Amino acid sequence: MAQMVSTRYGWQWRDYVQADAECDRYWQAQKAEKRSLIEATKKSPRVAAQGDKKTSEKIHINF
């Protein structure tokens, strides 16, 4: 196991590991929140009702 070395700032190795784990948890939560927001605001695809014309189809009227 790594020796507990104190740096000039007073941090020890376990402090770095703990800070890294907290940072990972923070960014995972941010990504999950963004993903859920995208899912919540996603529009459902518009489906034409049975028998209705889609707007992409051209209507020909014979005169």
N, C-alpha and C. Protein backbone atom coordinates (compact mmCIF):
# COMPACT_ATOMS: atom_id res chain seq x y z
N MET A 1 0.84 -1.18 0.00
CA MET A 1 0.00 0.00 0.00
C MET A 1 0.89 1.25 0.00
N ALA A 2 0.38 2.28 -0.62
CA ALA A 2 1.15 3.52 -0.70
C ALA A 2 1.33 4.13 0.68
N GLN A 3 2.46 4.72 0.84
CA GLN A 3 2.76 5.36 2.12
C GLN A 3 1.99 6.68 2.21
N MET A 4 1.50 7.01 3.36
CA MET A 4 0.78 8.26 3.55
C MET A 4 1.78 9.42 3.55
N VAL A 5 1.87 10.06 2.40
CA VAL A 5 2.83 11.15 2.26
C VAL A 5 2.06 12.47 2.32
N SER A 6 2.52 13.34 3.12
CA SER A 6 1.90 14.65 3.24
C SER A 6 2.61 15.61 2.27
N THR A 7 1.82 16.33 1.50
CA THR A 7 2.41 17.28 0.56
C THR A 7 2.64 18.62 1.24
N ARG A 8 3.19 19.55 0.49
CA ARG A 8 3.46 20.86 1.09
C ARG A 8 2.18 21.62 1.39
N TYR A 9 1.04 21.19 0.79
CA TYR A 9 -0.24 21.84 1.07
C TYR A 9 -0.97 21.18 2.23
N GLY A 10 -0.41 20.11 2.78
CA GLY A 10 -1.02 19.45 3.91
C GLY A 10 -1.99 18.34 3.53
N TRP A 11 -2.09 18.03 2.23
CA TRP A 11 -2.98 16.95 1.80
C TRP A 11 -2.26 15.63 1.89
N GLN A 12 -3.01 14.60 2.15
CA GLN A 12 -2.46 13.26 2.12
C GLN A 12 -3.10 12.50 0.95
N TRP A 13 -2.53 11.35 0.62
CA TRP A 13 -2.99 10.60 -0.55
C TRP A 13 -4.48 10.28 -0.47
N ARG A 14 -4.97 9.91 0.72
CA ARG A 14 -6.40 9.58 0.84
C ARG A 14 -7.28 10.79 0.54
N ASP A 15 -6.77 12.00 0.80
CA ASP A 15 -7.53 13.21 0.47
C ASP A 15 -7.69 13.35 -1.03
N TYR A 16 -6.62 13.05 -1.78
CA TYR A 16 -6.69 13.11 -3.24
C TYR A 16 -7.67 12.07 -3.77
N VAL A 17 -7.62 10.87 -3.22
CA VAL A 17 -8.52 9.80 -3.66
C VAL A 17 -9.97 10.17 -3.37
N GLN A 18 -10.22 10.71 -2.20
CA GLN A 18 -11.57 11.10 -1.82
C GLN A 18 -12.07 12.25 -2.71
N ALA A 19 -11.23 13.24 -2.98
CA ALA A 19 -11.62 14.35 -3.83
C ALA A 19 -11.91 13.87 -5.25
N ASP A 20 -11.11 12.93 -5.75
CA ASP A 20 -11.33 12.38 -7.08
C ASP A 20 -12.65 11.63 -7.15
N ALA A 21 -12.96 10.86 -6.12
CA ALA A 21 -14.22 10.12 -6.07
C ALA A 21 -15.42 11.07 -6.02
N GLU A 22 -15.30 12.14 -5.23
CA GLU A 22 -16.38 13.13 -5.15
C GLU A 22 -16.58 13.82 -6.49
N CYS A 23 -15.49 14.12 -7.18
CA CYS A 23 -15.57 14.76 -8.49
C CYS A 23 -16.25 13.82 -9.49
N ASP A 24 -15.91 12.54 -9.47
CA ASP A 24 -16.54 11.56 -10.36
C ASP A 24 -18.04 11.47 -10.09
N ARG A 25 -18.41 11.43 -8.81
CA ARG A 25 -19.83 11.36 -8.46
C ARG A 25 -20.57 12.61 -8.94
N TYR A 26 -19.94 13.77 -8.81
CA TYR A 26 -20.56 15.02 -9.23
C TYR A 26 -20.84 15.00 -10.73
N TRP A 27 -19.84 14.63 -11.53
CA TRP A 27 -20.02 14.65 -12.98
C TRP A 27 -20.97 13.57 -13.45
N GLN A 28 -21.02 12.42 -12.78
CA GLN A 28 -22.01 11.39 -13.12
C GLN A 28 -23.42 11.91 -12.85
N ALA A 29 -23.60 12.61 -11.76
CA ALA A 29 -24.91 13.18 -11.44
C ALA A 29 -25.29 14.25 -12.46
N GLN A 30 -24.32 15.06 -12.89
CA GLN A 30 -24.60 16.09 -13.89
C GLN A 30 -25.03 15.46 -15.21
N LYS A 31 -24.31 14.39 -15.63
CA LYS A 31 -24.67 13.72 -16.88
C LYS A 31 -26.04 13.07 -16.78
N ALA A 32 -26.35 12.46 -15.65
CA ALA A 32 -27.66 11.82 -15.47
C ALA A 32 -28.77 12.87 -15.49
N GLU A 33 -28.53 14.02 -14.87
CA GLU A 33 -29.53 15.08 -14.85
C GLU A 33 -29.77 15.61 -16.26
N LYS A 34 -28.70 15.80 -17.00
CA LYS A 34 -28.82 16.30 -18.38
C LYS A 34 -29.56 15.27 -19.25
N ARG A 35 -29.22 13.99 -19.07
CA ARG A 35 -29.87 12.93 -19.84
C ARG A 35 -31.37 12.88 -19.54
N SER A 36 -31.74 13.00 -18.26
CA SER A 36 -33.15 12.95 -17.90
C SER A 36 -33.89 14.19 -18.41
N LEU A 37 -33.21 15.34 -18.44
CA LEU A 37 -33.83 16.55 -18.96
C LEU A 37 -34.07 16.41 -20.46
N ILE A 38 -33.12 15.83 -21.17
CA ILE A 38 -33.29 15.61 -22.62
C ILE A 38 -34.44 14.63 -22.87
N GLU A 39 -34.51 13.58 -22.08
CA GLU A 39 -35.59 12.60 -22.24
C GLU A 39 -36.95 13.23 -21.93
N ALA A 40 -37.00 14.12 -20.94
CA ALA A 40 -38.27 14.74 -20.55
C ALA A 40 -38.75 15.72 -21.61
N THR A 41 -37.83 16.37 -22.30
CA THR A 41 -38.23 17.39 -23.28
C THR A 41 -38.28 16.85 -24.70
N LYS A 42 -37.96 15.57 -24.87
CA LYS A 42 -37.96 14.99 -26.20
C LYS A 42 -39.39 14.93 -26.73
N LYS A 43 -39.58 15.39 -27.98
CA LYS A 43 -40.90 15.37 -28.58
C LYS A 43 -41.17 13.99 -29.16
N SER A 44 -42.39 13.54 -29.01
CA SER A 44 -42.74 12.26 -29.60
C SER A 44 -42.92 12.46 -31.11
N PRO A 45 -42.56 11.47 -31.90
CA PRO A 45 -42.70 11.63 -33.34
C PRO A 45 -44.17 11.74 -33.73
N ARG A 46 -44.44 12.61 -34.66
CA ARG A 46 -45.82 12.82 -35.08
C ARG A 46 -46.22 11.68 -36.02
N VAL A 47 -47.31 11.07 -35.69
CA VAL A 47 -47.81 9.96 -36.49
C VAL A 47 -49.11 10.42 -37.13
N ALA A 48 -49.21 10.26 -38.47
CA ALA A 48 -50.42 10.65 -39.16
C ALA A 48 -51.54 9.69 -38.79
N ALA A 49 -52.72 10.25 -38.56
CA ALA A 49 -53.87 9.41 -38.23
C ALA A 49 -54.23 8.55 -39.43
N GLN A 50 -54.92 7.48 -39.17
CA GLN A 50 -55.29 6.56 -40.24
C GLN A 50 -56.15 7.29 -41.27
N GLY A 51 -55.76 7.26 -42.53
CA GLY A 51 -56.55 7.88 -43.58
C GLY A 51 -56.17 9.32 -43.85
N ASP A 52 -55.41 9.96 -42.98
CA ASP A 52 -54.99 11.34 -43.21
C ASP A 52 -53.80 11.37 -44.16
N LYS A 53 -53.69 12.46 -44.90
CA LYS A 53 -52.56 12.64 -45.81
C LYS A 53 -51.40 13.22 -45.02
N LYS A 54 -50.22 12.74 -45.33
CA LYS A 54 -49.03 13.33 -44.73
C LYS A 54 -48.73 14.61 -45.49
N THR A 55 -48.11 15.56 -44.85
CA THR A 55 -47.84 16.84 -45.50
C THR A 55 -46.83 16.70 -46.63
N SER A 56 -46.03 15.65 -46.61
CA SER A 56 -45.04 15.48 -47.66
C SER A 56 -45.67 14.95 -48.96
N GLU A 57 -46.89 14.41 -48.86
CA GLU A 57 -47.54 13.90 -50.06
C GLU A 57 -48.20 15.06 -50.77
N LYS A 58 -48.08 15.06 -52.11
CA LYS A 58 -48.68 16.14 -52.90
C LYS A 58 -50.11 15.75 -53.26
N ILE A 59 -50.97 16.72 -53.23
CA ILE A 59 -52.37 16.50 -53.58
C ILE A 59 -52.57 17.06 -54.99
N HIS A 60 -53.01 16.20 -55.89
CA HIS A 60 -53.25 16.60 -57.27
C HIS A 60 -54.75 16.80 -57.47
N ILE A 61 -55.12 17.95 -57.97
CA ILE A 61 -56.52 18.24 -58.26
C ILE A 61 -56.67 18.35 -59.77
N ASN A 62 -57.50 17.51 -60.36
CA ASN A 62 -57.73 17.55 -61.80
C ASN A 62 -58.82 18.55 -62.13
N PHE A 63 -58.55 19.48 -63.04
CA PHE A 63 -59.55 20.48 -63.46
C PHE A 63 -60.14 20.06 -64.77
